[in-house]
Amino acid sequence: MATYNHNFLVLRLIVAGAMLMMTGLFKKGKVVTLVPHSIVVGFTIGIAIVIYTTKKKSR
């Protein structure tokens, strides 16, 4: 099983949060409406499957 460096994950979370804050500060939130709902749902389901399978393997 592969090992992951959690420091990089923390950095990604900080960058993603900064991007969300900048989007809100510059009133660019309407860009989100360009992403189709099916893409958002598919991504959410995909990441849920990845999390589930990772947790199941660690037991």
N, C-alpha and C. Protein backbone atom coordinates (compact mmCIF):
# COMPACT_ATOMS: atom_id res chain seq x y z
N MET A 1 0.84 -1.18 0.00
CA MET A 1 0.00 0.00 0.00
C MET A 1 0.88 1.23 0.00
N ALA A 2 0.50 2.22 -0.76
CA ALA A 2 1.30 3.43 -0.88
C ALA A 2 1.18 4.29 0.38
N THR A 3 2.23 4.99 0.68
CA THR A 3 2.19 5.93 1.79
C THR A 3 2.09 7.34 1.23
N TYR A 4 1.39 8.19 1.94
CA TYR A 4 1.15 9.54 1.47
C TYR A 4 1.71 10.54 2.46
N ASN A 5 2.20 11.64 1.93
CA ASN A 5 2.72 12.72 2.76
C ASN A 5 1.56 13.67 3.07
N HIS A 6 1.17 13.76 4.33
CA HIS A 6 0.02 14.57 4.72
C HIS A 6 0.33 16.06 4.68
N ASN A 7 1.61 16.44 4.67
CA ASN A 7 1.95 17.86 4.59
C ASN A 7 1.47 18.45 3.27
N PHE A 8 1.59 17.69 2.19
CA PHE A 8 1.13 18.16 0.90
C PHE A 8 -0.39 18.33 0.89
N LEU A 9 -1.10 17.45 1.58
CA LEU A 9 -2.55 17.55 1.68
C LEU A 9 -2.95 18.84 2.40
N VAL A 10 -2.25 19.16 3.46
CA VAL A 10 -2.54 20.38 4.21
C VAL A 10 -2.30 21.60 3.32
N LEU A 11 -1.21 21.57 2.55
CA LEU A 11 -0.93 22.68 1.64
C LEU A 11 -2.04 22.83 0.61
N ARG A 12 -2.53 21.72 0.07
CA ARG A 12 -3.64 21.78 -0.90
C ARG A 12 -4.88 22.39 -0.28
N LEU A 13 -5.18 22.00 0.96
CA LEU A 13 -6.36 22.54 1.63
C LEU A 13 -6.24 24.05 1.84
N ILE A 14 -5.05 24.51 2.20
CA ILE A 14 -4.84 25.94 2.41
C ILE A 14 -4.99 26.70 1.10
N VAL A 15 -4.41 26.17 0.03
CA VAL A 15 -4.52 26.83 -1.28
C VAL A 15 -5.97 26.85 -1.76
N ALA A 16 -6.68 25.75 -1.59
CA ALA A 16 -8.09 25.69 -2.00
C ALA A 16 -8.92 26.69 -1.20
N GLY A 17 -8.67 26.80 0.09
CA GLY A 17 -9.38 27.78 0.92
C GLY A 17 -9.08 29.21 0.50
N ALA A 18 -7.81 29.47 0.19
CA ALA A 18 -7.43 30.82 -0.26
C ALA A 18 -8.10 31.15 -1.59
N MET A 19 -8.18 30.15 -2.47
CA MET A 19 -8.85 30.39 -3.76
C MET A 19 -10.34 30.69 -3.56
N LEU A 20 -10.98 29.96 -2.65
CA LEU A 20 -12.39 30.22 -2.36
C LEU A 20 -12.60 31.62 -1.78
N MET A 21 -11.71 32.01 -0.88
CA MET A 21 -11.82 33.34 -0.28
C MET A 21 -11.61 34.44 -1.32
N MET A 22 -10.64 34.26 -2.21
CA MET A 22 -10.38 35.26 -3.24
C MET A 22 -11.56 35.35 -4.21
N THR A 23 -12.15 34.21 -4.53
CA THR A 23 -13.31 34.20 -5.41
C THR A 23 -14.46 35.00 -4.79
N GLY A 24 -14.65 34.83 -3.51
CA GLY A 24 -15.70 35.59 -2.82
C GLY A 24 -15.39 37.06 -2.71
N LEU A 25 -14.14 37.39 -2.41
CA LEU A 25 -13.77 38.80 -2.26
C LEU A 25 -13.88 39.57 -3.56
N PHE A 26 -13.58 38.93 -4.67
CA PHE A 26 -13.63 39.61 -5.96
C PHE A 26 -14.95 39.39 -6.70
N LYS A 27 -15.95 38.86 -5.98
CA LYS A 27 -17.31 38.68 -6.53
C LYS A 27 -17.32 37.88 -7.83
N LYS A 28 -16.54 36.81 -7.87
CA LYS A 28 -16.48 35.95 -9.05
C LYS A 28 -17.20 34.63 -8.82
N GLY A 29 -18.10 34.57 -7.88
CA GLY A 29 -18.81 33.35 -7.56
C GLY A 29 -19.74 32.86 -8.66
N LYS A 30 -20.12 33.75 -9.58
CA LYS A 30 -21.01 33.35 -10.67
C LYS A 30 -20.33 32.40 -11.64
N VAL A 31 -19.00 32.30 -11.59
CA VAL A 31 -18.28 31.38 -12.45
C VAL A 31 -18.69 29.94 -12.15
N VAL A 32 -19.07 29.67 -10.92
CA VAL A 32 -19.47 28.33 -10.50
C VAL A 32 -20.69 27.85 -11.28
N THR A 33 -21.53 28.77 -11.71
CA THR A 33 -22.73 28.38 -12.46
C THR A 33 -22.39 27.79 -13.82
N LEU A 34 -21.15 27.97 -14.28
CA LEU A 34 -20.74 27.42 -15.57
C LEU A 34 -20.44 25.92 -15.48
N VAL A 35 -20.26 25.41 -14.27
CA VAL A 35 -19.97 23.98 -14.08
C VAL A 35 -21.31 23.24 -14.03
N PRO A 36 -21.53 22.29 -14.93
CA PRO A 36 -22.80 21.56 -14.93
C PRO A 36 -23.01 20.76 -13.63
N HIS A 37 -24.26 20.62 -13.25
CA HIS A 37 -24.61 19.91 -12.02
C HIS A 37 -24.15 18.45 -12.07
N SER A 38 -24.24 17.84 -13.25
CA SER A 38 -23.84 16.43 -13.37
C SER A 38 -22.35 16.25 -13.09
N ILE A 39 -21.53 17.23 -13.42
CA ILE A 39 -20.09 17.15 -13.15
C ILE A 39 -19.85 17.21 -11.64
N VAL A 40 -20.56 18.09 -10.96
CA VAL A 40 -20.41 18.22 -9.51
C VAL A 40 -20.85 16.93 -8.82
N VAL A 41 -21.98 16.39 -9.24
CA VAL A 41 -22.48 15.15 -8.64
C VAL A 41 -21.52 14.00 -8.90
N GLY A 42 -21.02 13.90 -10.12
CA GLY A 42 -20.08 12.83 -10.46
C GLY A 42 -18.80 12.91 -9.66
N PHE A 43 -18.28 14.11 -9.49
CA PHE A 43 -17.07 14.28 -8.69
C PHE A 43 -17.33 13.89 -7.24
N THR A 44 -18.46 14.31 -6.70
CA THR A 44 -18.78 14.00 -5.32
C THR A 44 -18.92 12.50 -5.11
N ILE A 45 -19.59 11.83 -6.01
CA ILE A 45 -19.74 10.37 -5.90
C ILE A 45 -18.39 9.68 -6.04
N GLY A 46 -17.57 10.16 -6.97
CA GLY A 46 -16.25 9.57 -7.17
C GLY A 46 -15.37 9.68 -5.95
N ILE A 47 -15.34 10.86 -5.34
CA ILE A 47 -14.49 11.05 -4.16
C ILE A 47 -15.05 10.25 -2.99
N ALA A 48 -16.37 10.08 -2.91
CA ALA A 48 -16.96 9.27 -1.84
C ALA A 48 -16.54 7.81 -1.99
N ILE A 49 -16.50 7.32 -3.22
CA ILE A 49 -16.07 5.93 -3.45
C ILE A 49 -14.60 5.76 -3.07
N VAL A 50 -13.78 6.73 -3.42
CA VAL A 50 -12.35 6.65 -3.06
C VAL A 50 -12.18 6.63 -1.55
N ILE A 51 -12.88 7.49 -0.84
CA ILE A 51 -12.78 7.54 0.62
C ILE A 51 -13.26 6.23 1.23
N TYR A 52 -14.38 5.70 0.73
CA TYR A 52 -14.94 4.45 1.27
C TYR A 52 -13.96 3.28 1.08
N THR A 53 -13.43 3.17 -0.13
CA THR A 53 -12.52 2.04 -0.39
C THR A 53 -11.22 2.16 0.39
N THR A 54 -10.75 3.37 0.59
CA THR A 54 -9.54 3.57 1.39
C THR A 54 -9.78 3.18 2.84
N LYS A 55 -10.92 3.59 3.37
CA LYS A 55 -11.24 3.25 4.76
C LYS A 55 -11.46 1.75 4.92
N LYS A 56 -12.09 1.13 3.95
CA LYS A 56 -12.37 -0.30 4.05
C LYS A 56 -11.08 -1.11 4.02
N LYS A 57 -10.10 -0.69 3.20
CA LYS A 57 -8.83 -1.39 3.13
C LYS A 57 -8.01 -1.25 4.40
N SER A 58 -8.19 -0.13 5.10
CA SER A 58 -7.37 0.10 6.30
C SER A 58 -7.87 -0.69 7.51
N ARG A 59 -9.03 -1.31 7.43
CA ARG A 59 -9.57 -2.07 8.56
C ARG A 59 -8.99 -3.43 8.65
